[in-house]
N, C-alpha and C. Protein backbone atom coordinates (compact mmCIF):
# COMPACT_ATOMS: atom_id res chain seq x y z
N MET A 1 -26.92 -3.11 -7.33
CA MET A 1 -28.44 -3.58 -7.40
C MET A 1 -29.24 -2.80 -7.23
N LYS A 2 -30.30 -3.05 -8.31
CA LYS A 2 -31.65 -2.06 -7.60
C LYS A 2 -33.06 -2.84 -8.06
N ALA A 3 -33.77 -2.36 -6.84
CA ALA A 3 -34.96 -3.35 -6.64
C ALA A 3 -36.29 -1.92 -6.54
N LEU A 4 -37.13 -2.41 -7.39
CA LEU A 4 -38.34 -1.44 -7.16
C LEU A 4 -39.37 -2.02 -6.22
N ILE A 5 -39.71 -0.96 -5.38
CA ILE A 5 -40.93 -1.48 -4.37
C ILE A 5 -41.94 -0.91 -4.24
N GLY A 6 -42.86 -1.75 -4.62
CA GLY A 6 -44.77 -1.07 -5.29
C GLY A 6 -45.23 -1.09 -3.70
N PHE A 7 -46.01 0.22 -3.31
CA PHE A 7 -46.79 0.28 -2.35
C PHE A 7 -47.79 0.77 -2.38
N GLN A 8 -49.00 -0.20 -2.40
CA GLN A 8 -50.22 -0.02 -3.14
C GLN A 8 -51.30 0.16 -1.81
N ASN A 9 -51.81 1.33 -1.72
CA ASN A 9 -52.84 1.63 -0.48
C ASN A 9 -53.86 1.79 -0.87
N ASN A 10 -54.65 0.36 -0.50
CA ASN A 10 -55.97 -0.05 -0.45
C ASN A 10 -56.83 0.16 0.54
N GLY A 11 -56.09 0.94 1.75
CA GLY A 11 -57.02 1.56 3.00
C GLY A 11 -57.66 3.51 2.63
N GLU A 12 -58.71 3.37 3.41
CA GLU A 12 -59.15 4.48 3.72
C GLU A 12 -58.36 5.69 4.27
N LYS A 13 -57.04 5.26 4.83
CA LYS A 13 -56.40 6.12 5.47
C LYS A 13 -55.34 6.03 5.02
N ALA A 14 -54.12 7.45 5.13
CA ALA A 14 -53.18 7.67 4.02
C ALA A 14 -51.83 7.16 5.06
N PHE A 15 -50.96 6.59 4.14
CA PHE A 15 -49.69 5.83 5.26
C PHE A 15 -48.48 6.84 4.67
N ILE A 16 -47.53 7.32 5.50
CA ILE A 16 -46.61 7.50 4.99
C ILE A 16 -45.26 6.54 5.24
N VAL A 17 -44.86 6.56 4.10
CA VAL A 17 -43.47 5.16 4.08
C VAL A 17 -42.06 5.87 4.59
N ASP A 18 -42.04 5.53 5.64
CA ASP A 18 -40.52 5.83 5.98
C ASP A 18 -39.18 6.01 5.83
N ASN A 19 -39.05 4.43 5.02
CA ASN A 19 -38.00 3.63 4.67
C ASN A 19 -37.91 2.27 4.27
N VAL A 20 -37.07 1.75 3.81
CA VAL A 20 -36.82 0.50 3.12
C VAL A 20 -35.49 0.48 3.22
N GLU A 21 -34.83 -0.84 4.27
CA GLU A 21 -34.35 -1.53 4.37
C GLU A 21 -33.33 -2.65 4.11
N GLY A 22 -32.55 -3.35 3.50
CA GLY A 22 -32.36 -4.21 3.10
C GLY A 22 -31.16 -4.97 3.48
N SER A 23 -31.06 -6.37 3.51
CA SER A 23 -29.76 -7.56 4.28
C SER A 23 -30.03 -8.49 3.43
N PHE A 24 -28.81 -9.18 3.33
CA PHE A 24 -28.19 -10.15 3.03
C PHE A 24 -28.16 -11.64 4.44
N ARG A 25 -28.83 -12.53 4.16
CA ARG A 25 -28.73 -13.57 5.17
C ARG A 25 -28.66 -15.02 5.07
N TYR A 26 -28.14 -15.27 5.74
CA TYR A 26 -28.08 -17.18 5.96
C TYR A 26 -28.95 -17.82 5.34
N PRO A 27 -28.99 -18.46 4.32
CA PRO A 27 -30.18 -19.09 3.60
C PRO A 27 -30.99 -20.37 4.89
N MET A 28 -29.75 -20.58 5.52
CA MET A 28 -30.87 -21.84 5.95
C MET A 28 -31.26 -21.10 7.65
N ASP A 29 -30.87 -20.24 7.92
CA ASP A 29 -30.90 -19.72 8.91
C ASP A 29 -31.60 -17.58 8.81
N TYR A 30 -32.41 -17.34 8.76
CA TYR A 30 -32.75 -15.89 8.54
C TYR A 30 -32.61 -14.99 9.36
N ASN A 31 -31.96 -15.63 11.03
CA ASN A 31 -31.66 -14.81 11.48
C ASN A 31 -29.92 -14.62 11.70
N TYR A 32 -29.49 -15.15 10.77
CA TYR A 32 -28.09 -14.92 10.77
C TYR A 32 -28.00 -13.78 9.70
N VAL A 33 -27.28 -12.60 9.95
CA VAL A 33 -27.48 -11.42 9.17
C VAL A 33 -25.64 -11.73 8.62
N ILE A 34 -25.71 -11.31 7.23
CA ILE A 34 -24.25 -11.84 6.04
C ILE A 34 -23.62 -10.23 6.22
N GLN A 35 -25.01 -9.61 5.34
CA GLN A 35 -24.53 -8.01 4.87
C GLN A 35 -25.89 -7.28 5.27
N ASN A 36 -25.95 -6.10 6.16
CA ASN A 36 -27.06 -4.78 6.20
C ASN A 36 -26.67 -4.07 4.80
N PHE A 37 -27.15 -3.66 4.21
CA PHE A 37 -27.58 -2.41 3.54
C PHE A 37 -28.04 -1.38 4.02
N THR A 38 -28.05 -0.42 3.00
CA THR A 38 -28.00 1.12 3.80
C THR A 38 -29.72 1.50 3.63
N SER A 39 -30.23 2.10 4.61
CA SER A 39 -31.48 1.97 4.66
C SER A 39 -31.66 3.94 4.49
N PHE A 40 -32.83 3.02 3.27
CA PHE A 40 -33.09 4.89 2.33
C PHE A 40 -34.16 5.45 3.11
N ARG A 41 -34.29 6.53 3.27
CA ARG A 41 -35.34 7.20 3.86
C ARG A 41 -36.02 7.92 2.93
N TYR A 42 -37.56 8.01 3.44
CA TYR A 42 -37.95 8.54 2.09
C TYR A 42 -39.12 9.15 2.83
N ALA A 43 -39.80 9.14 3.69
CA ALA A 43 -40.83 9.98 4.11
C ALA A 43 -41.93 10.54 3.31
N ARG A 44 -42.49 9.47 2.59
CA ARG A 44 -43.46 10.08 1.56
C ARG A 44 -44.74 9.45 2.11
N GLU A 45 -45.73 10.37 1.65
CA GLU A 45 -47.42 10.33 1.69
C GLU A 45 -47.65 9.39 0.57
N VAL A 46 -48.60 8.06 0.45
CA VAL A 46 -49.58 7.50 0.06
C VAL A 46 -50.87 7.85 0.16
N ALA A 47 -51.58 8.51 -0.74
CA ALA A 47 -52.99 8.29 -0.48
C ALA A 47 -53.91 7.16 -0.77
N PRO A 48 -54.95 7.07 -0.15
CA PRO A 48 -55.84 5.93 -0.12
C PRO A 48 -55.99 5.89 -1.64
N ALA A 49 -56.25 4.18 -1.48
CA ALA A 49 -56.66 4.24 -2.56
C ALA A 49 -55.20 4.42 -4.21
N SER A 50 -54.37 4.53 -3.97
CA SER A 50 -53.47 5.04 -4.65
C SER A 50 -51.65 4.30 -4.41
N LEU A 51 -51.35 3.86 -5.78
CA LEU A 51 -49.62 3.29 -5.57
C LEU A 51 -48.55 4.33 -5.98
N GLN A 52 -47.82 3.51 -5.21
CA GLN A 52 -46.37 4.41 -4.81
C GLN A 52 -45.12 3.72 -5.42
N THR A 53 -43.95 4.00 -5.88
CA THR A 53 -43.20 2.67 -6.34
C THR A 53 -41.98 3.46 -5.82
N PHE A 54 -41.08 2.94 -5.08
CA PHE A 54 -39.84 2.80 -4.37
C PHE A 54 -38.73 2.60 -5.14
N LEU A 55 -37.75 3.46 -5.42
CA LEU A 55 -36.38 2.52 -5.65
C LEU A 55 -34.98 2.34 -4.26
N TYR A 56 -35.28 1.39 -4.64
CA TYR A 56 -34.31 1.27 -3.16
C TYR A 56 -32.64 0.65 -4.17
N MET A 57 -31.90 0.90 -3.53
CA MET A 57 -30.57 0.39 -4.70
C MET A 57 -28.99 -0.02 -3.43
N PHE A 58 -28.79 -1.06 -3.71
CA PHE A 58 -27.50 -1.60 -2.49
C PHE A 58 -26.53 -1.96 -3.72
N VAL A 59 -25.60 -2.01 -2.55
CA VAL A 59 -24.61 -2.75 -2.96
C VAL A 59 -23.48 -3.95 -2.72
N PRO A 60 -23.54 -5.10 -2.72
CA PRO A 60 -22.79 -6.36 -2.14
C PRO A 60 -21.63 -6.16 -2.02
N SER A 61 -21.22 -6.73 -0.71
CA SER A 61 -19.53 -6.46 -0.83
C SER A 61 -18.98 -7.29 -1.82
N GLU A 62 -17.57 -6.54 -1.89
CA GLU A 62 -16.91 -7.69 -2.87
C GLU A 62 -16.01 -9.04 -2.45
N GLN A 63 -16.22 -9.35 -1.04
CA GLN A 63 -15.84 -10.47 0.02
C GLN A 63 -17.04 -11.33 -0.55
N LEU A 64 -18.29 -10.75 -0.66
CA LEU A 64 -18.86 -12.20 -1.25
C LEU A 64 -19.41 -12.46 -2.66
N ALA A 65 -18.19 -12.11 -3.55
CA ALA A 65 -18.04 -12.92 -4.53
C ALA A 65 -17.47 -13.57 -4.34
N GLY A 66 -17.15 -14.43 -5.86
CA GLY A 66 -16.48 -15.43 -6.14
C GLY A 66 -17.32 -16.77 -6.53
N GLY A 67 -17.42 -16.85 -7.53
CA GLY A 67 -18.23 -17.80 -8.46
C GLY A 67 -20.02 -17.22 -8.25
N SER A 68 -20.63 -18.87 -7.78
CA SER A 68 -22.23 -18.48 -7.64
C SER A 68 -22.54 -18.85 -6.09
N ARG A 69 -22.93 -17.88 -5.57
CA ARG A 69 -23.26 -17.81 -3.98
C ARG A 69 -24.87 -17.83 -4.12
N THR A 70 -25.43 -18.21 -2.94
CA THR A 70 -26.80 -18.05 -2.63
C THR A 70 -27.29 -17.71 -1.33
N PHE A 71 -28.08 -16.42 -1.42
CA PHE A 71 -27.81 -15.89 -0.28
C PHE A 71 -29.54 -15.47 -0.05
N GLY A 72 -30.47 -15.28 1.47
CA GLY A 72 -31.60 -14.45 1.34
C GLY A 72 -31.80 -13.10 1.59
N LEU A 73 -32.50 -12.74 0.34
CA LEU A 73 -32.60 -11.19 0.50
C LEU A 73 -33.90 -10.87 0.99
N VAL A 74 -33.54 -9.92 2.11
CA VAL A 74 -34.89 -9.55 2.80
C VAL A 74 -34.88 -8.00 2.48
N LEU A 75 -35.77 -7.30 2.46
CA LEU A 75 -36.00 -5.76 1.77
C LEU A 75 -37.29 -5.75 2.45
N LYS A 76 -37.15 -4.95 3.77
CA LYS A 76 -38.76 -4.79 4.52
C LYS A 76 -38.87 -3.05 4.80
N LEU A 77 -40.02 -2.35 4.48
CA LEU A 77 -40.42 -1.66 4.37
C LEU A 77 -41.21 -1.23 5.81
N ASN A 78 -41.13 -0.14 6.32
CA ASN A 78 -41.36 0.45 6.86
C ASN A 78 -42.11 1.97 7.44
N TYR A 79 -43.38 1.52 7.61
CA TYR A 79 -44.04 2.82 7.06
C TYR A 79 -45.19 3.16 8.72
N ARG A 80 -45.85 4.21 8.36
CA ARG A 80 -46.86 4.22 9.38
C ARG A 80 -48.20 4.66 9.23
N ASP A 81 -48.95 4.86 9.70
CA ASP A 81 -50.55 5.16 9.51
C ASP A 81 -50.50 6.85 10.08
N GLU A 82 -51.44 7.98 9.74
CA GLU A 82 -51.80 8.77 10.13
C GLU A 82 -51.67 9.04 11.65
N GLU A 83 -52.30 8.10 12.43
CA GLU A 83 -52.06 7.91 13.98
C GLU A 83 -51.11 7.97 14.44
N GLY A 84 -49.77 7.41 13.87
CA GLY A 84 -48.55 7.37 14.27
C GLY A 84 -48.24 5.42 14.24
N ASN A 85 -49.17 4.54 13.98
CA ASN A 85 -49.33 3.25 14.58
C ASN A 85 -47.92 3.13 13.35
N LEU A 86 -46.77 2.19 13.42
CA LEU A 86 -45.86 1.62 12.85
C LEU A 86 -45.92 0.29 12.31
N TYR A 87 -45.57 0.26 11.07
CA TYR A 87 -45.73 -1.25 10.44
C TYR A 87 -44.89 -1.67 9.56
N THR A 88 -44.24 -2.67 9.59
CA THR A 88 -43.41 -3.14 9.01
C THR A 88 -43.90 -4.33 7.55
N ASP A 89 -43.18 -4.43 6.91
CA ASP A 89 -43.63 -4.79 5.73
C ASP A 89 -42.32 -5.76 4.95
N SER A 90 -42.06 -7.53 5.14
CA SER A 90 -41.55 -7.97 3.90
C SER A 90 -41.86 -7.56 2.44
N ALA A 91 -41.03 -6.68 1.98
CA ALA A 91 -41.63 -6.50 0.27
C ALA A 91 -41.01 -7.78 -0.44
N PHE A 92 -39.54 -7.88 0.30
CA PHE A 92 -38.84 -9.51 -0.83
C PHE A 92 -38.40 -9.71 0.54
N ASN A 93 -38.47 -11.35 0.54
CA ASN A 93 -37.78 -12.10 1.46
C ASN A 93 -37.90 -13.47 0.50
N GLU A 94 -36.62 -13.45 -0.49
CA GLU A 94 -36.57 -14.90 -1.49
C GLU A 94 -34.81 -15.12 -1.04
N THR A 95 -34.58 -16.28 -1.48
CA THR A 95 -32.99 -16.46 -1.73
C THR A 95 -33.10 -16.44 -2.98
N VAL A 96 -31.88 -15.57 -3.30
CA VAL A 96 -30.89 -15.07 -4.30
C VAL A 96 -29.93 -15.65 -4.93
N SER A 97 -29.07 -15.48 -6.51
CA SER A 97 -27.90 -15.94 -6.25
C SER A 97 -27.32 -15.10 -6.87
N VAL A 98 -26.16 -14.32 -6.17
CA VAL A 98 -25.41 -13.52 -6.56
C VAL A 98 -24.26 -14.30 -7.22
N VAL A 99 -23.96 -13.51 -8.77
CA VAL A 99 -23.17 -14.45 -9.80
C VAL A 99 -22.07 -13.42 -9.88
N GLU A 100 -20.90 -13.69 -9.75
CA GLU A 100 -19.80 -13.06 -10.77
C GLU A 100 -19.69 -12.83 -11.80
N TYR A 101 -19.70 -11.58 -12.32
CA TYR A 101 -19.47 -11.75 -13.98
C TYR A 101 -17.65 -12.04 -13.92
N ASP A 102 -17.98 -13.14 -15.13
CA ASP A 102 -16.44 -13.27 -15.46
C ASP A 102 -15.47 -12.40 -16.39
N GLU A 103 -14.40 -11.61 -16.19
CA GLU A 103 -14.10 -10.75 -17.37
C GLU A 103 -13.12 -11.31 -17.76
N GLY A 104 -13.12 -10.74 -19.24
CA GLY A 104 -12.36 -11.63 -20.33
C GLY A 104 -10.53 -11.85 -19.94
N PHE A 105 -9.94 -11.08 -19.39
CA PHE A 105 -8.68 -10.73 -18.75
C PHE A 105 -8.60 -10.44 -17.51
N ASP A 106 -7.87 -10.75 -16.58
CA ASP A 106 -8.23 -10.97 -15.18
C ASP A 106 -6.16 -10.39 -14.92
N THR A 107 -6.01 -8.83 -14.82
CA THR A 107 -4.99 -8.52 -14.36
C THR A 107 -3.62 -9.48 -13.24
N GLU A 108 -4.89 -9.93 -12.32
CA GLU A 108 -3.94 -10.48 -11.17
C GLU A 108 -3.51 -11.83 -11.59
N ILE A 109 -4.38 -12.67 -12.30
CA ILE A 109 -3.34 -14.08 -13.19
C ILE A 109 -2.72 -13.62 -14.10
N PHE A 110 -2.70 -12.40 -15.03
CA PHE A 110 -1.15 -12.20 -15.60
C PHE A 110 -0.10 -11.67 -15.06
N PHE A 111 -0.37 -10.99 -13.88
CA PHE A 111 0.97 -10.58 -12.97
C PHE A 111 1.50 -11.66 -12.74
N MET A 112 0.53 -12.37 -12.02
CA MET A 112 1.32 -13.54 -11.50
C MET A 112 2.36 -14.42 -12.81
N TYR A 113 1.76 -14.89 -13.96
CA TYR A 113 2.13 -15.57 -14.99
C TYR A 113 3.18 -14.72 -15.26
N VAL A 114 3.45 -13.40 -15.16
CA VAL A 114 4.49 -12.71 -15.79
C VAL A 114 5.76 -13.19 -14.74
N LEU A 115 5.41 -12.92 -13.15
CA LEU A 115 6.37 -12.83 -12.22
C LEU A 115 6.53 -14.49 -12.32
N LEU A 116 5.60 -15.70 -12.37
CA LEU A 116 6.24 -16.91 -12.26
C LEU A 116 7.39 -17.27 -13.72
N ALA A 117 7.07 -16.19 -14.91
CA ALA A 117 8.57 -16.08 -16.07
C ALA A 117 9.68 -15.92 -15.29
N ALA A 118 9.56 -14.64 -14.83
CA ALA A 118 10.81 -13.74 -14.04
C ALA A 118 11.74 -14.91 -13.42
N VAL A 119 10.68 -15.54 -12.29
CA VAL A 119 11.50 -16.27 -11.42
C VAL A 119 12.40 -17.52 -12.23
N SER A 120 11.73 -17.97 -13.29
CA SER A 120 12.24 -18.87 -13.65
C SER A 120 13.57 -18.44 -14.71
N LEU A 121 13.24 -17.64 -15.21
CA LEU A 121 14.33 -17.21 -16.08
C LEU A 121 15.84 -16.79 -15.24
N LEU A 122 15.50 -16.47 -14.15
CA LEU A 122 16.40 -16.29 -13.16
C LEU A 122 17.23 -17.55 -12.49
N CYS A 123 16.17 -18.43 -12.33
CA CYS A 123 16.85 -19.64 -11.66
C CYS A 123 17.58 -20.45 -13.13
N VAL A 124 16.85 -20.45 -13.99
CA VAL A 124 17.61 -20.75 -15.89
C VAL A 124 19.02 -20.16 -15.36
N LEU A 125 19.23 -18.70 -15.74
CA LEU A 125 20.45 -18.20 -15.38
C LEU A 125 21.33 -18.68 -14.64
N GLY A 126 20.61 -18.69 -13.17
CA GLY A 126 21.68 -19.33 -12.20
C GLY A 126 22.22 -20.65 -12.36
N ALA A 127 21.40 -21.24 -12.96
CA ALA A 127 21.82 -22.74 -12.94
C ALA A 127 23.16 -22.59 -14.35
N GLN A 128 22.35 -21.74 -15.32
CA GLN A 128 23.98 -21.77 -16.39
C GLN A 128 24.93 -21.43 -15.32
N TYR A 129 25.13 -20.00 -14.81
CA TYR A 129 26.16 -19.87 -14.03
C TYR A 129 26.56 -20.59 -13.49
N VAL A 130 25.81 -21.70 -12.82
CA VAL A 130 26.85 -22.57 -11.70
C VAL A 130 27.40 -23.35 -12.34
N PHE A 131 26.97 -24.05 -13.62
CA PHE A 131 27.23 -25.51 -14.16
C PHE A 131 28.37 -24.77 -15.30
N THR A 132 28.44 -23.43 -15.59
CA THR A 132 29.89 -22.91 -16.72
C THR A 132 30.96 -22.92 -15.21
N SER A 133 30.45 -22.49 -14.15
CA SER A 133 31.70 -21.84 -13.39
C SER A 133 32.15 -23.37 -12.84
N MET A 134 31.70 -24.45 -12.52
CA MET A 134 31.58 -25.59 -11.88
C MET A 134 32.61 -26.35 -13.51
N PHE A 135 32.32 -26.92 -14.40
CA PHE A 135 32.29 -27.74 -15.39
C PHE A 135 33.12 -26.90 -16.61
N GLY A 136 32.93 -25.94 -17.05
CA GLY A 136 33.44 -25.66 -17.75
C GLY A 136 34.50 -25.12 -18.08
N SER A 137 35.15 -24.66 -16.55
CA SER A 137 36.69 -24.07 -17.06
C SER A 137 37.82 -25.31 -16.30
N ARG A 138 37.48 -26.13 -16.94
CA ARG A 138 38.48 -27.22 -16.13
C ARG A 138 39.64 -27.50 -16.64
N LYS A 139 39.64 -26.86 -17.70
CA LYS A 139 41.68 -27.01 -18.21
C LYS A 139 41.98 -25.41 -17.20
N GLN A 140 43.43 -25.36 -17.01
CA GLN A 140 43.74 -24.41 -16.83
C GLN A 140 44.48 -23.70 -17.67
N SER A 141 44.23 -22.57 -17.88
CA SER A 141 45.63 -22.24 -19.12
C SER A 141 46.95 -21.86 -18.42
N ARG A 142 47.75 -22.29 -18.57
CA ARG A 142 49.52 -22.14 -18.51
C ARG A 142 50.19 -20.61 -18.74
N LYS A 143 50.37 -20.31 -17.78
CA LYS A 143 50.84 -19.00 -18.13
C LYS A 143 52.14 -18.72 -19.04
N VAL A 144 52.47 -17.87 -19.77
CA VAL A 144 53.21 -17.41 -20.77
C VAL A 144 54.16 -16.68 -20.02
N ILE A 145 55.37 -16.96 -19.87
CA ILE A 145 56.60 -16.76 -19.04
C ILE A 145 57.33 -16.08 -20.29
N GLU A 146 57.57 -14.87 -20.26
CA GLU A 146 58.58 -14.41 -21.38
C GLU A 146 60.24 -14.63 -21.02
N THR A 147 61.07 -15.44 -21.55
CA THR A 147 62.15 -15.50 -21.31
C THR A 147 63.32 -14.96 -21.79
N GLY A 148 62.94 -14.04 -23.46
CA GLY A 148 64.18 -13.69 -23.74
C GLY A 148 64.43 -14.53 -25.08
N THR A 149 65.11 -13.91 -25.88
CA THR A 149 65.95 -14.86 -26.92
C THR A 149 66.94 -15.91 -26.54
N GLN A 150 66.85 -16.72 -26.83
CA GLN A 150 67.89 -17.88 -26.50
C GLN A 150 69.12 -18.31 -28.26
N GLY A 151 69.76 -18.16 -27.91
CA GLY A 151 70.85 -18.68 -28.88
C GLY A 151 71.40 -17.65 -29.94
N GLY A 152 71.23 -16.60 -29.93
CA GLY A 152 71.61 -15.32 -30.64
C GLY A 152 69.97 -14.65 -31.40
N ILE A 153 70.42 -13.70 -32.35
CA ILE A 153 69.84 -12.90 -33.01
C ILE A 153 69.25 -13.82 -34.29
N ASP A 154 68.05 -13.72 -34.93
CA ASP A 154 67.69 -14.10 -35.91
C ASP A 154 67.76 -13.52 -37.02
N TYR A 155 68.40 -13.47 -38.06
CA TYR A 155 68.19 -12.42 -39.09
C TYR A 155 67.85 -13.29 -40.45
N ASP A 156 66.85 -13.99 -40.09
CA ASP A 156 66.25 -14.53 -41.56
C ASP A 156 65.10 -13.85 -42.12
N TYR A 157 64.30 -13.42 -41.15
CA TYR A 157 63.63 -12.27 -42.33
C TYR A 157 63.47 -10.87 -42.26
N ILE A 158 64.38 -10.50 -42.30
CA ILE A 158 65.31 -9.25 -42.27
C ILE A 158 65.75 -9.34 -43.90
N PRO A 159 65.27 -8.32 -45.06
CA PRO A 159 65.93 -8.64 -46.21
C PRO A 159 67.71 -8.27 -46.10
N LYS A 160 68.34 -8.46 -47.71
CA LYS A 160 69.65 -8.61 -47.31
C LYS A 160 69.97 -7.53 -47.10
N GLU A 161 69.66 -6.36 -48.38
CA GLU A 161 69.93 -5.26 -48.24
C GLU A 161 69.98 -4.40 -47.25
N HIS A 162 68.72 -4.50 -46.01
CA HIS A 162 69.16 -3.53 -45.00
C HIS A 162 70.14 -4.54 -44.12
N LEU A 163 70.13 -5.16 -44.15
CA LEU A 163 71.27 -5.70 -43.30
C LEU A 163 72.55 -5.53 -43.60
N GLY A 164 72.97 -5.12 -44.34
CA GLY A 164 74.17 -4.64 -44.94
C GLY A 164 74.59 -3.21 -44.55
N SER A 165 73.60 -2.33 -44.77
CA SER A 165 73.55 -1.02 -44.29
C SER A 165 73.84 -0.87 -43.36
N LYS A 166 73.10 -1.47 -41.92
CA LYS A 166 72.79 -1.64 -40.87
C LYS A 166 74.53 -2.11 -40.18
N LYS A 167 74.73 -2.92 -40.88
CA LYS A 167 76.04 -3.00 -40.20
C LYS A 167 77.33 -2.15 -40.36
N LYS A 168 76.81 -1.40 -41.46
CA LYS A 168 77.96 -0.38 -41.48
C LYS A 168 78.10 0.80 -40.95
N VAL A 169 76.62 0.83 -40.42
CA VAL A 169 76.30 1.56 -39.85
C VAL A 169 76.98 1.62 -37.95
N ALA A 170 76.88 0.30 -37.96
CA ALA A 170 77.27 -0.31 -36.47
C ALA A 170 78.15 -0.11 -36.44
N SER A 171 79.15 -0.20 -37.59
CA SER A 171 81.03 -0.42 -37.27
C SER A 171 81.26 0.67 -37.12
N LYS A 172 80.70 2.26 -37.93
CA LYS A 172 81.29 3.66 -37.71
C LYS A 172 81.30 3.65 -36.70
């Protein structure tokens, strides 16, 4: 965030602007400081009957984001005259609203839904495995035991011309 602070010297002496400091304060009690911002040191002289503008930049903490919140914004201008007398002036002292911009795509929510879908899929696959192992294999298959041929050899499937030649070979 940026703020432009104007300082107009209407006096007959020059003033030296030392620094600008800012803070967020609790709106109901300005003695309670929520966040202090960086103090910018300028050390610029403002001649009599002239105007000087100072740029003050500050960044609110990300912890203060989340919806729309109100804070007391206080910007103090510290300056001195040529004789060394110190002065402090509240250049800005009002309640402001800090609004978080709503992005079109929130990656945190996206990955939460991806994780939720993965956990759901694992639950469905686990339930399918449990149900098929409990209810799907109730029939027990009987083991087939080979006992060999009983009652002789069946020659019906062998062509007749081959049977005769094998018997001759077998009898020799």
